[in-house]
């Protein structure tokens, strides 16, 4: 039996709330949870006890990180929050769904990311979540599946991509007339939404240089771009200074010259490669997210009315 089938485990990342950084000054990133630190370990303290990939990500807990978000939309920056939830789970590569029961030798272990964002544009809220499924153990490979949803008071949009031998199978459902319902197979390409999990697994393995990438699905939908691969250039950097983090960090930068867009993800250079912040620039419009708090916990067991203090521990406001 493969190792991960003998130990069903889940890990995720949500971090809790701080004030947004003032323009032009370094943001205060937090590696501790103040009064909650003794009860809810941070990724840093958890990594001290479990310093290797196999031990860190297979303890039956989740890693959760909350970020103070400033989302560019309609020519303004809107305050909100983002949450990254990282979790390992068994995945059926044929159906491309989570293995929940039964014995399946074909199952593989994936690092799943649920990337959640919520902000208000004036009176009405936007809620976004993209899930990615990336092989976690050798032999590793590219991200296998994406699913993305956007809800706001005008309607809902759903996009899904499944990596198959003959290409990327994509479906889109939208309330917009020009999008409506679509089903297509795209040529094989790498997925920007998979880079986040690849940073957490092994950032040195991320392919760099000029390549064809499918941009983030939430960008594709909110900017009404065609769902396809675009020319991009990916670079990895070390000892990067940014106004979003108060110390030098590593970074992965993705540039799309034809789209006038770039994404920079700032992360710690040592395992477990905690993501401290990111920014997305589309022309003059800048979206930023800065880590405010993080915990490691089996959050799925804390769904009762008496568990609301966990929201305070994470600093969740939306």
Protein backbone atom coordinates (compact mmCIF):
# COMPACT_ATOMS: atom_id res chain seq x y z
CA UNK A 1 0.00 0.00 0.00
CA UNK A 2 1.34 3.36 -0.82
CA UNK A 3 2.28 5.40 2.18
CA UNK A 4 -0.32 8.12 1.95
CA UNK A 5 -3.21 5.62 1.77
CA UNK A 6 -2.15 4.32 5.17
CA UNK A 7 -2.46 7.72 6.73
CA UNK A 8 -5.37 9.81 5.58
CA UNK A 9 -4.42 13.34 6.37
CA UNK A 10 -5.33 16.88 5.65
CA UNK A 11 -3.43 20.13 6.03
CA UNK A 12 -4.48 23.67 5.29
CA UNK A 13 -3.48 27.32 5.67
CA UNK A 14 -5.63 30.30 6.81
CA UNK A 15 -4.12 33.38 8.42
CA UNK A 16 -5.79 36.03 10.49
CA UNK A 17 -6.28 39.71 10.48
CA UNK A 18 -4.20 42.87 10.74
CA UNK A 19 -4.59 46.33 9.37
CA UNK A 20 -3.55 47.01 5.80
CA UNK A 21 -0.06 48.37 5.30
CA UNK A 22 0.17 52.08 4.72
CA UNK A 23 1.37 53.02 1.23
CA UNK A 24 5.11 53.29 0.85
CA UNK A 25 6.01 51.60 4.14
CA UNK A 26 6.79 47.95 4.88
CA UNK A 27 3.83 45.87 5.98
CA UNK A 28 3.99 44.12 9.33
CA UNK A 29 3.81 40.40 8.70
CA UNK A 30 3.07 38.14 11.65
CA UNK A 31 4.59 34.75 12.38
CA UNK A 32 2.88 34.38 15.73
CA UNK A 33 -0.72 34.39 16.87
CA UNK A 34 -0.34 36.34 20.11
CA UNK A 35 -2.65 34.94 22.80
CA UNK A 36 -3.60 32.00 20.58
CA UNK A 37 -0.03 30.83 19.94
CA UNK A 38 -0.08 28.34 22.81
CA UNK A 39 -3.32 26.79 21.57
CA UNK A 40 -2.90 27.10 17.81
CA UNK A 41 0.63 26.71 16.46
CA UNK A 42 1.84 28.91 13.64
CA UNK A 43 3.45 27.35 10.58
CA UNK A 44 6.84 28.42 11.93
CA UNK A 45 6.44 26.74 15.33
CA UNK A 46 4.85 23.68 13.72
CA UNK A 47 7.79 23.39 11.32
CA UNK A 48 10.20 23.38 14.26
CA UNK A 49 8.55 20.14 15.41
CA UNK A 50 8.06 18.75 11.89
CA UNK A 51 10.91 20.11 9.73
CA UNK A 52 10.56 17.73 6.76
CA UNK A 53 7.96 17.73 3.97
CA UNK A 54 6.55 14.29 4.82
CA UNK A 55 6.17 15.05 8.50
CA UNK A 56 4.90 18.62 8.13
CA UNK A 57 2.17 17.93 5.60
CA UNK A 58 0.97 14.56 6.98
CA UNK A 59 -0.02 15.24 10.59
CA UNK A 60 -3.80 15.24 10.17
CA UNK A 61 -3.93 19.02 10.52
CA UNK A 62 -4.50 21.96 8.22
CA UNK A 63 -2.45 25.05 7.47
CA UNK A 64 -4.51 28.23 7.21
CA UNK A 65 -3.37 31.77 6.43
CA UNK A 66 -5.34 35.01 6.36
CA UNK A 67 -4.16 38.01 4.33
CA UNK A 68 -5.21 41.66 4.37
CA UNK A 69 -6.38 42.22 0.80
CA UNK A 70 -6.52 45.36 -1.30
CA UNK A 71 -8.26 44.30 -4.50
CA UNK A 72 -8.12 46.43 -7.65
CA UNK A 73 -11.54 46.61 -9.28
CA UNK A 74 -13.41 49.30 -11.25
CA UNK A 75 -10.46 51.67 -11.00
CA UNK A 76 -10.32 51.58 -7.17
CA UNK A 77 -8.67 49.48 -4.47
CA UNK A 78 -11.20 47.67 -2.27
CA UNK A 79 -10.34 46.36 1.19
CA UNK A 80 -11.06 42.71 1.87
CA UNK A 81 -9.42 39.51 2.99
CA UNK A 82 -7.88 36.47 1.36
CA UNK A 83 -7.40 33.03 2.84
CA UNK A 84 -5.07 30.30 1.55
CA UNK A 85 -6.07 26.82 2.67
CA UNK A 86 -3.45 24.15 1.88
CA UNK A 87 -4.34 20.50 2.43
CA UNK A 88 -2.97 17.11 1.43
CA UNK A 89 -5.47 14.48 0.41
CA UNK A 90 -5.79 11.31 -1.64
CA UNK A 91 -6.86 11.99 -5.23
CA UNK A 92 -8.30 9.66 -7.87
CA UNK A 93 -6.49 10.61 -11.10
CA UNK A 94 -9.12 9.02 -13.35
CA UNK A 95 -12.17 10.77 -11.92
CA UNK A 96 -9.99 13.64 -10.68
CA UNK A 97 -11.80 13.89 -7.36
CA UNK A 98 -10.93 13.29 -3.72
CA UNK A 99 -10.80 9.62 -2.66
CA UNK A 100 -13.33 9.40 0.16
CA UNK A 101 -13.81 5.64 0.51
CA UNK A 102 -12.71 2.30 -0.88
CA UNK A 103 -9.29 0.90 -1.68
CA UNK A 104 -7.80 2.43 -4.82
CA UNK A 105 -4.16 1.60 -5.62
CA UNK A 106 -4.25 4.24 -8.37
CA UNK A 107 -4.87 7.07 -5.89
CA UNK A 108 -2.15 9.67 -5.53
CA UNK A 109 -1.41 12.27 -2.87
CA UNK A 110 -2.00 15.89 -3.87
CA UNK A 111 -1.46 19.22 -2.21
CA UNK A 112 -4.75 21.02 -2.62
CA UNK A 113 -5.05 24.77 -2.35
CA UNK A 114 -8.33 26.54 -1.78
CA UNK A 115 -7.54 30.19 -2.49
CA UNK A 116 -10.40 32.29 -1.13
CA UNK A 117 -10.99 36.03 -1.54
CA UNK A 118 -13.80 38.32 -0.42
CA UNK A 119 -14.16 42.06 -0.86
CA UNK A 120 -16.86 44.67 -1.38
CA UNK A 121 -17.15 46.80 -4.51
CA UNK A 122 -19.30 49.59 -3.19
CA UNK A 123 -22.55 48.10 -1.92
CA UNK A 124 -22.11 44.54 -3.11
CA UNK A 125 -19.69 41.73 -2.25
CA UNK A 126 -17.42 39.63 -4.44
CA UNK A 127 -16.57 36.10 -3.30
CA UNK A 128 -13.90 34.15 -5.22
CA UNK A 129 -12.37 30.74 -4.69
CA UNK A 130 -10.01 28.73 -6.87
CA UNK A 131 -9.06 25.14 -5.99
CA UNK A 132 -5.92 23.53 -7.42
CA UNK A 133 -4.75 19.92 -7.13
CA UNK A 134 -1.01 19.32 -7.51
CA UNK A 135 0.84 16.00 -7.02
CA UNK A 136 2.64 16.18 -3.68
CA UNK A 137 4.90 13.10 -3.73
CA UNK A 138 7.34 11.68 -6.27
CA UNK A 139 6.93 11.29 -9.13
CA UNK A 140 5.56 14.81 -9.07
CA UNK A 141 4.19 16.62 -12.06
CA UNK A 142 2.12 19.59 -13.16
CA UNK A 143 -1.16 20.60 -11.56
CA UNK A 144 -3.90 18.17 -12.55
CA UNK A 145 -7.09 20.11 -11.95
CA UNK A 146 -8.45 23.60 -11.34
CA UNK A 147 -11.91 24.76 -10.38
CA UNK A 148 -12.85 28.39 -9.88
CA UNK A 149 -15.99 30.21 -8.79
CA UNK A 150 -16.87 33.90 -8.68
CA UNK A 151 -20.08 35.13 -7.07
CA UNK A 152 -21.36 38.67 -6.88
CA UNK A 153 -24.81 40.18 -6.92
CA UNK A 154 -25.02 40.18 -10.73
CA UNK A 155 -24.53 36.41 -10.92
CA UNK A 156 -22.13 33.46 -10.75
CA UNK A 157 -19.34 32.11 -12.93
CA UNK A 158 -17.74 28.65 -12.76
CA UNK A 159 -14.66 27.40 -14.62
CA UNK A 160 -12.97 23.99 -14.43
CA UNK A 161 -9.85 22.59 -16.11
CA UNK A 162 -8.87 18.90 -16.04
CA UNK A 163 -5.46 17.83 -17.33
CA UNK A 164 -5.84 14.75 -19.58
CA UNK A 165 -3.51 12.93 -21.96
CA UNK A 166 -5.03 14.66 -25.00
CA UNK A 167 -5.08 18.18 -23.56
CA UNK A 168 -6.71 20.42 -20.98
CA UNK A 169 -10.44 19.75 -20.81
CA UNK A 170 -12.17 23.02 -19.87
CA UNK A 171 -15.77 23.91 -19.05
CA UNK A 172 -17.20 27.35 -18.34
CA UNK A 173 -20.62 28.38 -17.06
CA UNK A 174 -21.41 32.09 -16.91
CA UNK A 175 -24.35 34.46 -16.71
CA UNK A 176 -22.64 36.78 -19.24
CA UNK A 177 -24.09 36.51 -22.76
CA UNK A 178 -20.71 36.50 -24.49
CA UNK A 179 -19.44 33.68 -22.22
CA UNK A 180 -22.54 31.60 -21.51
CA UNK A 181 -21.78 27.84 -21.43
CA UNK A 182 -18.63 26.54 -23.09
CA UNK A 183 -16.81 23.24 -23.34
CA UNK A 184 -13.45 22.90 -25.06
CA UNK A 185 -10.10 21.08 -25.08
CA UNK A 186 -7.03 23.29 -24.90
CA UNK A 187 -3.46 22.36 -25.86
CA UNK A 188 -1.28 21.14 -23.00
CA UNK A 189 0.15 24.09 -21.03
CA UNK A 190 1.21 24.96 -17.53
CA UNK A 191 -1.26 26.66 -15.18
CA UNK A 192 -0.50 29.83 -13.23
CA UNK A 193 -2.89 28.73 -10.49
CA UNK A 194 -0.65 25.72 -9.88
CA UNK A 195 2.40 27.82 -9.00
CA UNK A 196 1.18 28.50 -5.45
CA UNK A 197 1.23 24.82 -4.46
CA UNK A 198 4.47 24.25 -6.34
CA UNK A 199 6.11 26.93 -4.19
CA UNK A 200 5.04 25.05 -1.06
CA UNK A 201 6.26 21.70 -2.43
CA UNK A 202 9.59 22.73 -3.97
CA UNK A 203 10.03 26.21 -5.45
CA UNK A 204 13.34 25.24 -7.07
CA UNK A 205 11.41 22.86 -9.37
CA UNK A 206 9.22 25.60 -10.88
CA UNK A 207 10.14 25.95 -14.58
CA UNK A 208 11.57 29.39 -15.34
CA UNK A 209 12.04 31.36 -18.53
CA UNK A 210 9.71 32.06 -21.43
CA UNK A 211 6.77 29.65 -21.69
CA UNK A 212 3.07 29.35 -22.42
CA UNK A 213 0.91 29.75 -19.31
CA UNK A 214 -2.82 29.84 -18.68
CA UNK A 215 -3.33 32.87 -16.40
CA UNK A 216 -5.22 32.72 -13.12
CA UNK A 217 -8.83 31.73 -13.73
CA UNK A 218 -10.20 34.59 -11.62
CA UNK A 219 -8.19 37.06 -13.75
CA UNK A 220 -9.49 35.45 -16.96
CA UNK A 221 -13.08 35.80 -15.83
CA UNK A 222 -13.00 39.23 -14.17
CA UNK A 223 -11.12 40.72 -17.12
CA UNK A 224 -13.18 38.81 -19.72
CA UNK A 225 -10.13 37.33 -21.44
CA UNK A 226 -10.17 34.27 -23.67
CA UNK A 227 -9.47 31.05 -21.78
CA UNK A 228 -6.18 29.97 -23.37
CA UNK A 229 -2.43 29.98 -22.82
CA UNK A 230 -0.56 33.27 -23.23
CA UNK A 231 3.18 33.98 -23.68
CA UNK A 232 4.71 34.47 -20.23
CA UNK A 233 8.07 34.67 -18.52
CA UNK A 234 8.65 33.15 -15.08
CA UNK A 235 11.58 34.10 -12.85
CA UNK A 236 12.67 33.06 -9.36
CA UNK A 237 14.42 35.61 -7.18
CA UNK A 238 16.16 35.65 -3.79
CA UNK A 239 16.74 38.40 -1.21
CA UNK A 240 13.85 40.46 -2.57
CA UNK A 241 12.78 43.63 -0.79
CA UNK A 242 9.18 44.82 -1.08
CA UNK A 243 6.93 47.29 0.71
CA UNK A 244 4.64 44.35 1.53
CA UNK A 245 7.03 42.38 3.78
CA UNK A 246 9.30 43.76 6.51
CA UNK A 247 12.31 41.54 5.68
CA UNK A 248 13.97 40.12 2.53
CA UNK A 249 12.18 37.14 1.01
CA UNK A 250 12.24 34.93 -2.06
CA UNK A 251 9.84 35.52 -4.93
CA UNK A 252 8.37 34.00 -8.06
CA UNK A 253 7.41 36.55 -10.70
CA UNK A 254 5.17 35.86 -13.70
CA UNK A 255 4.97 38.44 -16.50
CA UNK A 256 2.54 38.47 -19.44
CA UNK A 257 3.77 41.13 -21.90
CA UNK A 258 0.74 40.85 -24.18
CA UNK A 259 -1.66 41.27 -21.25
CA UNK A 260 0.26 44.02 -19.45
CA UNK A 261 0.00 41.96 -16.28
CA UNK A 262 2.41 40.56 -13.73
CA UNK A 263 2.07 38.49 -10.56
CA UNK A 264 4.70 38.37 -7.79
CA UNK A 265 4.41 35.85 -4.95
CA UNK A 266 6.68 36.55 -1.94
CA UNK A 267 7.63 33.57 0.22
CA UNK A 268 10.14 32.46 2.84
CA UNK A 269 13.23 30.83 1.27
CA UNK A 270 13.32 27.97 3.77
CA UNK A 271 10.85 25.11 4.28
CA UNK A 272 7.88 25.20 4.62
CA UNK A 273 8.17 28.15 2.17
CA UNK A 274 5.44 30.21 3.84
CA UNK A 275 3.80 32.71 1.48
CA UNK A 276 4.03 36.14 3.11
CA UNK A 277 2.40 38.33 0.47
CA UNK A 278 1.64 38.77 -3.20
CA UNK A 279 0.82 41.48 -5.68
CA UNK A 280 -0.84 41.55 -9.08
CA UNK A 281 -0.29 44.49 -11.39
CA UNK A 282 -2.49 45.10 -14.42
CA UNK A 283 -1.31 48.33 -15.97
CA UNK A 284 -1.50 50.95 -13.19
CA UNK A 285 -3.93 48.88 -11.09
CA UNK A 286 -2.31 47.04 -8.18
CA UNK A 287 -3.83 44.29 -6.05
CA UNK A 288 -1.95 43.37 -2.87
CA UNK A 289 -2.34 40.80 -0.09
CA UNK A 290 -0.26 40.77 3.11
CA UNK A 291 -0.15 37.92 5.61
CA UNK A 292 -1.62 38.89 8.95
CA UNK A 293 -1.82 35.61 10.88
CA UNK A 294 -1.56 31.85 10.33
CA UNK A 295 -2.40 28.67 12.22
CA UNK A 296 -2.04 24.92 11.84
CA UNK A 297 -5.16 23.10 13.01
CA UNK A 298 -7.71 20.40 12.17
CA UNK A 299 -10.23 23.12 11.41
CA UNK A 300 -12.84 20.76 9.92
CA UNK A 301 -13.60 19.54 13.46
CA UNK A 302 -14.42 23.06 14.64
CA UNK A 303 -17.80 23.79 13.09
CA UNK A 304 -19.97 24.32 16.17
CA UNK A 305 -21.39 27.55 17.54
CA UNK A 306 -18.87 27.37 20.39
CA UNK A 307 -15.98 27.35 17.92
CA UNK A 308 -16.45 30.94 16.80
CA UNK A 309 -13.31 31.97 18.72
CA UNK A 310 -11.30 30.37 15.92
CA UNK A 311 -12.49 33.20 13.69
CA UNK A 312 -11.02 35.66 16.16
CA UNK A 313 -7.79 33.64 16.19
CA UNK A 314 -7.62 34.01 12.41
CA UNK A 315 -8.72 37.64 12.43
CA UNK A 316 -11.50 36.95 9.96
CA UNK A 317 -13.73 39.97 9.34
CA UNK A 318 -15.73 39.20 6.18
